[in-house]
Amino acid sequence: MRLAAVALVALVSAALVVALTRSAPAVRAAPALPGRVLVGTPETLVSLRGRPALVDFFASWCGPCVAEAPALERAARALGGRATVVGVDWSDNRSYARRFVGRYGWSFPVLEDPDGKAGYAYGIQGLPSAFVLDARGAIVRRLFGPQTVASLVAAVDAAGRRS
């Protein structure tokens, strides 16, 4: 009986750790975005102000990023004008990153973080890592690992209600 109770506590603890690392709240000012543009228009924290934003760090060599890529584009389209989506290619080869973005038909701006400094400043914990910013530029949610359209849209919409 005692062994079963210990096993249950261990299982619940493991589930809690997984849940907290996949979507953890964290309110703090967002660090600067990288200045190099891979695709689309330049984006800065100033240009993102006024509505929520989703900043997604990815790399072409990242298997989970490949799995998430179609959902990220569908989420960007679903969010429409309610929010801005920005991709950040982290520590990647420029030509591979361009092919990746083209393969998934991403319609949102993608910036380059070739030396990884922006990703480290944001606190990425593996890839993909996404950060939801409120209309004032504060990080209000961190999403680690591949997300679904529903989880991305819900996180951004929650930031919109918070602003």
C-alpha atoms as a PDB file:
ATOM      1  CA  MET A   1       0.000   0.000   0.000  1.00  0.00           C
ATOM      2  CA  ARG A   2       2.768   2.413   0.927  1.00  0.00           C
ATOM      3  CA  LEU A   3       4.653   1.601  -2.296  1.00  0.00           C
ATOM      4  CA  ALA A   4       1.537   2.424  -4.319  1.00  0.00           C
ATOM      5  CA  ALA A   5       1.195   5.786  -2.544  1.00  0.00           C
ATOM      6  CA  VAL A   6       4.847   6.631  -3.222  1.00  0.00           C
ATOM      7  CA  ALA A   7       4.424   5.646  -6.875  1.00  0.00           C
ATOM      8  CA  LEU A   8       1.311   7.827  -7.167  1.00  0.00           C
ATOM      9  CA  VAL A   9       3.103  10.835  -5.652  1.00  0.00           C
ATOM     10  CA  ALA A  10       6.043  10.309  -8.034  1.00  0.00           C
ATOM     11  CA  LEU A  11       3.687  10.092 -11.034  1.00  0.00           C
ATOM     12  CA  VAL A  12       1.795  13.248 -10.056  1.00  0.00           C
ATOM     13  CA  SER A  13       5.083  15.086  -9.440  1.00  0.00           C
ATOM     14  CA  ALA A  14       6.435  14.081 -12.846  1.00  0.00           C
ATOM     15  CA  ALA A  15       3.215  15.205 -14.556  1.00  0.00           C
ATOM     16  CA  LEU A  16       3.405  18.550 -12.759  1.00  0.00           C
ATOM     17  CA  VAL A  17       7.026  19.090 -13.842  1.00  0.00           C
ATOM     18  CA  VAL A  18       6.109  18.335 -17.468  1.00  0.00           C
ATOM     19  CA  ALA A  19       3.110  20.674 -17.351  1.00  0.00           C
ATOM     20  CA  LEU A  20       5.115  23.517 -15.823  1.00  0.00           C
ATOM     21  CA  THR A  21       7.962  23.247 -18.328  1.00  0.00           C
ATOM     22  CA  ARG A  22       5.632  23.165 -21.344  1.00  0.00           C
ATOM     23  CA  SER A  23       3.843  26.396 -20.441  1.00  0.00           C
ATOM     24  CA  ALA A  24       5.193  28.519 -17.636  1.00  0.00           C
ATOM     25  CA  PRO A  25       4.034  32.008 -16.713  1.00  0.00           C
ATOM     26  CA  ALA A  26       6.799  34.574 -16.426  1.00  0.00           C
ATOM     27  CA  VAL A  27       6.030  38.282 -16.329  1.00  0.00           C
ATOM     28  CA  ARG A  28       9.114  40.383 -17.111  1.00  0.00           C
ATOM     29  CA  ALA A  29      10.181  42.930 -19.724  1.00  0.00           C
ATOM     30  CA  ALA A  30      11.113  41.265 -23.004  1.00  0.00           C
ATOM     31  CA  PRO A  31      14.765  41.528 -24.066  1.00  0.00           C
ATOM     32  CA  ALA A  32      15.593  43.128 -27.416  1.00  0.00           C
ATOM     33  CA  LEU A  33      14.867  41.174 -30.571  1.00  0.00           C
ATOM     34  CA  PRO A  34      17.743  40.446 -32.958  1.00  0.00           C
ATOM     35  CA  GLY A  35      18.299  43.172 -35.556  1.00  0.00           C
ATOM     36  CA  ARG A  36      19.007  40.928 -38.535  1.00  0.00           C
ATOM     37  CA  VAL A  37      16.062  40.066 -40.777  1.00  0.00           C
ATOM     38  CA  LEU A  38      15.900  36.664 -42.472  1.00  0.00           C
ATOM     39  CA  VAL A  39      12.479  37.084 -44.118  1.00  0.00           C
ATOM     40  CA  GLY A  40       9.890  39.863 -44.079  1.00  0.00           C
ATOM     41  CA  THR A  41      10.024  43.166 -42.256  1.00  0.00           C
ATOM     42  CA  PRO A  42      12.224  44.172 -39.337  1.00  0.00           C
ATOM     43  CA  GLU A  43      10.504  43.943 -35.961  1.00  0.00           C
ATOM     44  CA  THR A  44      11.547  45.537 -32.700  1.00  0.00           C
ATOM     45  CA  LEU A  45       9.961  45.617 -29.272  1.00  0.00           C
ATOM     46  CA  VAL A  46       8.772  49.144 -30.087  1.00  0.00           C
ATOM     47  CA  SER A  47       7.094  48.008 -33.327  1.00  0.00           C
ATOM     48  CA  LEU A  48       5.332  45.190 -31.447  1.00  0.00           C
ATOM     49  CA  ARG A  49       3.812  47.469 -28.798  1.00  0.00           C
ATOM     50  CA  GLY A  50       0.055  48.021 -28.754  1.00  0.00           C
ATOM     51  CA  ARG A  51      -1.051  44.424 -29.207  1.00  0.00           C
ATOM     52  CA  PRO A  52       0.100  40.990 -28.053  1.00  0.00           C
ATOM     53  CA  ALA A  53       2.947  39.240 -29.831  1.00  0.00           C
ATOM     54  CA  LEU A  54       4.266  35.713 -30.107  1.00  0.00           C
ATOM     55  CA  VAL A  55       8.056  35.385 -30.472  1.00  0.00           C
ATOM     56  CA  ASP A  56       9.007  31.854 -31.509  1.00  0.00           C
ATOM     57  CA  PHE A  57      12.629  30.628 -31.439  1.00  0.00           C
ATOM     58  CA  PHE A  58      13.321  27.750 -33.850  1.00  0.00           C
ATOM     59  CA  ALA A  59      16.051  26.220 -36.031  1.00  0.00           C
ATOM     60  CA  SER A  60      15.914  24.303 -39.296  1.00  0.00           C
ATOM     61  CA  TRP A  61      17.879  21.420 -37.743  1.00  0.00           C
ATOM     62  CA  CYS A  62      15.402  21.017 -34.867  1.00  0.00           C
ATOM     63  CA  GLY A  63      13.029  18.044 -35.233  1.00  0.00           C
ATOM     64  CA  PRO A  64      10.398  19.397 -32.815  1.00  0.00           C
ATOM     65  CA  CYS A  65      10.514  22.727 -34.718  1.00  0.00           C
ATOM     66  CA  VAL A  66       9.671  20.858 -37.922  1.00  0.00           C
ATOM     67  CA  ALA A  67       6.709  19.274 -36.122  1.00  0.00           C
ATOM     68  CA  GLU A  68       5.504  22.685 -34.884  1.00  0.00           C
ATOM     69  CA  ALA A  69       6.098  24.673 -38.101  1.00  0.00           C
ATOM     70  CA  PRO A  70       2.690  24.108 -39.764  1.00  0.00           C
ATOM     71  CA  ALA A  71       0.850  24.921 -36.508  1.00  0.00           C
ATOM     72  CA  LEU A  72       2.794  28.159 -36.141  1.00  0.00           C
ATOM     73  CA  GLU A  73       1.699  29.387 -39.583  1.00  0.00           C
ATOM     74  CA  ARG A  74      -1.917  28.342 -38.953  1.00  0.00           C
ATOM     75  CA  ALA A  75      -1.855  30.132 -35.592  1.00  0.00           C
ATOM     76  CA  ALA A  76      -0.476  33.296 -37.223  1.00  0.00           C
ATOM     77  CA  ARG A  77      -3.334  33.240 -39.726  1.00  0.00           C
ATOM     78  CA  ALA A  78      -5.919  32.510 -37.009  1.00  0.00           C
ATOM     79  CA  LEU A  79      -4.658  35.420 -34.920  1.00  0.00           C
ATOM     80  CA  GLY A  80      -4.889  37.795 -37.874  1.00  0.00           C
ATOM     81  CA  GLY A  81      -4.626  41.397 -36.735  1.00  0.00           C
ATOM     82  CA  ARG A  82      -5.128  40.564 -33.030  1.00  0.00           C
ATOM     83  CA  ALA A  83      -1.427  39.843 -32.548  1.00  0.00           C
ATOM     84  CA  THR A  84       1.950  39.812 -34.264  1.00  0.00           C
ATOM     85  CA  VAL A  85       3.893  36.588 -34.753  1.00  0.00           C
ATOM     86  CA  VAL A  86       7.667  36.801 -35.131  1.00  0.00           C
ATOM     87  CA  GLY A  87       9.972  33.873 -35.786  1.00  0.00           C
ATOM     88  CA  VAL A  88      13.567  33.957 -34.584  1.00  0.00           C
ATOM     89  CA  ASP A  89      15.978  31.556 -36.258  1.00  0.00           C
ATOM     90  CA  TRP A  90      18.409  30.525 -33.515  1.00  0.00           C
ATOM     91  CA  SER A  91      22.042  29.461 -34.157  1.00  0.00           C
ATOM     92  CA  ASP A  92      21.332  28.216 -37.647  1.00  0.00           C
ATOM     93  CA  ASN A  93      22.658  28.280 -41.193  1.00  0.00           C
ATOM     94  CA  ARG A  94      21.032  31.154 -43.123  1.00  0.00           C
ATOM     95  CA  SER A  95      20.304  29.208 -46.314  1.00  0.00           C
ATOM     96  CA  TYR A  96      18.832  26.245 -44.413  1.00  0.00           C
ATOM     97  CA  ALA A  97      16.680  28.635 -42.387  1.00  0.00           C
ATOM     98  CA  ARG A  98      15.366  30.344 -45.537  1.00  0.00           C
ATOM     99  CA  ARG A  99      14.442  26.956 -47.019  1.00  0.00           C
ATOM    100  CA  PHE A 100      12.708  25.984 -43.777  1.00  0.00           C
ATOM    101  CA  VAL A 101      10.611  29.173 -43.764  1.00  0.00           C
ATOM    102  CA  GLY A 102       9.751  28.700 -47.454  1.00  0.00           C
ATOM    103  CA  ARG A 103       8.852  25.033 -47.020  1.00  0.00           C
ATOM    104  CA  TYR A 104       6.236  25.893 -44.386  1.00  0.00           C
ATOM    105  CA  GLY A 105       5.006  29.045 -46.117  1.00  0.00           C
ATOM    106  CA  TRP A 106       5.476  31.273 -43.111  1.00  0.00           C
ATOM    107  CA  SER A 107       3.804  34.625 -43.745  1.00  0.00           C
ATOM    108  CA  PHE A 108       5.194  36.408 -40.669  1.00  0.00           C
ATOM    109  CA  PRO A 109       8.561  38.135 -40.172  1.00  0.00           C
ATOM    110  CA  VAL A 110      11.540  35.976 -39.261  1.00  0.00           C
ATOM    111  CA  LEU A 111      14.644  37.403 -37.631  1.00  0.00           C
ATOM    112  CA  GLU A 112      18.108  35.855 -37.306  1.00  0.00           C
ATOM    113  CA  ASP A 113      19.907  35.092 -34.043  1.00  0.00           C
ATOM    114  CA  PRO A 114      23.068  33.457 -35.452  1.00  0.00           C
ATOM    115  CA  ASP A 115      25.133  33.741 -32.288  1.00  0.00           C
ATOM    116  CA  GLY A 116      22.229  32.790 -29.994  1.00  0.00           C
ATOM    117  CA  LYS A 117      22.468  35.932 -27.821  1.00  0.00           C
ATOM    118  CA  ALA A 118      18.789  36.882 -28.101  1.00  0.00           C
ATOM    119  CA  GLY A 119      17.685  33.322 -27.328  1.00  0.00           C
ATOM    120  CA  TYR A 120      19.856  33.217 -24.238  1.00  0.00           C
ATOM    121  CA  ALA A 121      18.546  36.629 -23.135  1.00  0.00           C
ATOM    122  CA  TYR A 122      14.973  35.335 -23.468  1.00  0.00           C
ATOM    123  CA  GLY A 123      15.864  32.169 -21.556  1.00  0.00           C
ATOM    124  CA  ILE A 124      15.153  29.517 -24.143  1.00  0.00           C
ATOM    125  CA  GLN A 125      15.225  25.996 -22.791  1.00  0.00           C
ATOM    126  CA  GLY A 126      15.638  23.992 -25.962  1.00  0.00           C
ATOM    127  CA  LEU A 127      13.784  24.469 -29.212  1.00  0.00           C
ATOM    128  CA  PRO A 128      11.174  25.410 -30.063  1.00  0.00           C
ATOM    129  CA  SER A 129      10.651  28.026 -27.349  1.00  0.00           C
ATOM    130  CA  ALA A 130       7.949  30.672 -27.695  1.00  0.00           C
ATOM    131  CA  PHE A 131       7.355  33.785 -25.652  1.00  0.00           C
ATOM    132  CA  VAL A 132       4.027  35.589 -25.473  1.00  0.00           C
ATOM    133  CA  LEU A 133       4.319  39.345 -24.991  1.00  0.00           C
ATOM    134  CA  ASP A 134       1.498  41.563 -23.834  1.00  0.00           C
ATOM    135  CA  ALA A 135       0.711  44.898 -25.524  1.00  0.00           C
ATOM    136  CA  ARG A 136       3.283  46.645 -23.297  1.00  0.00           C
ATOM    137  CA  GLY A 137       6.141  44.316 -24.249  1.00  0.00           C
ATOM    138  CA  ALA A 138       6.237  42.157 -21.119  1.00  0.00           C
ATOM    139  CA  ILE A 139       6.726  38.415 -21.384  1.00  0.00           C
ATOM    140  CA  VAL A 140       3.582  36.932 -19.873  1.00  0.00           C
ATOM    141  CA  ARG A 141       3.910  33.291 -20.960  1.00  0.00           C
ATOM    142  CA  ARG A 142       6.712  30.936 -21.981  1.00  0.00           C
ATOM    143  CA  LEU A 143       5.907  27.915 -24.123  1.00  0.00           C
ATOM    144  CA  PHE A 144       8.522  25.184 -24.374  1.00  0.00           C
ATOM    145  CA  GLY A 145       8.400  22.361 -26.888  1.00  0.00           C
ATOM    146  CA  PRO A 146       6.173  22.020 -29.935  1.00  0.00           C
ATOM    147  CA  GLN A 147       2.771  23.660 -29.576  1.00  0.00           C
ATOM    148  CA  THR A 148      -0.576  23.229 -31.283  1.00  0.00           C
ATOM    149  CA  VAL A 149      -2.600  25.905 -33.043  1.00  0.00           C
ATOM    150  CA  ALA A 150      -5.004  25.880 -30.090  1.00  0.00           C
ATOM    151  CA  SER A 151      -2.285  26.300 -27.442  1.00  0.00           C
ATOM    152  CA  LEU A 152      -0.601  29.134 -29.353  1.00  0.00           C
ATOM    153  CA  VAL A 153      -3.828  31.039 -30.016  1.00  0.00           C
ATOM    154  CA  ALA A 154      -5.066  30.544 -26.437  1.00  0.00           C
ATOM    155  CA  ALA A 155      -1.792  31.840 -24.946  1.00  0.00           C
ATOM    156  CA  VAL A 156      -1.809  34.933 -27.168  1.00  0.00           C
ATOM    157  CA  ASP A 157      -5.510  35.612 -26.594  1.00  0.00           C
ATOM    158  CA  ALA A 158      -4.961  35.381 -22.833  1.00  0.00           C
ATOM    159  CA  ALA A 159      -2.215  38.014 -23.159  1.00  0.00           C
ATOM    160  CA  GLY A 160      -4.668  40.223 -25.060  1.00  0.00           C
ATOM    161  CA  ARG A 161      -7.209  39.971 -22.243  1.00  0.00           C
ATOM    162  CA  ARG A 162      -4.469  40.815 -19.732  1.00  0.00           C
ATOM    163  CA  SER A 163      -3.457  44.045 -21.501  1.00  0.00           C
END
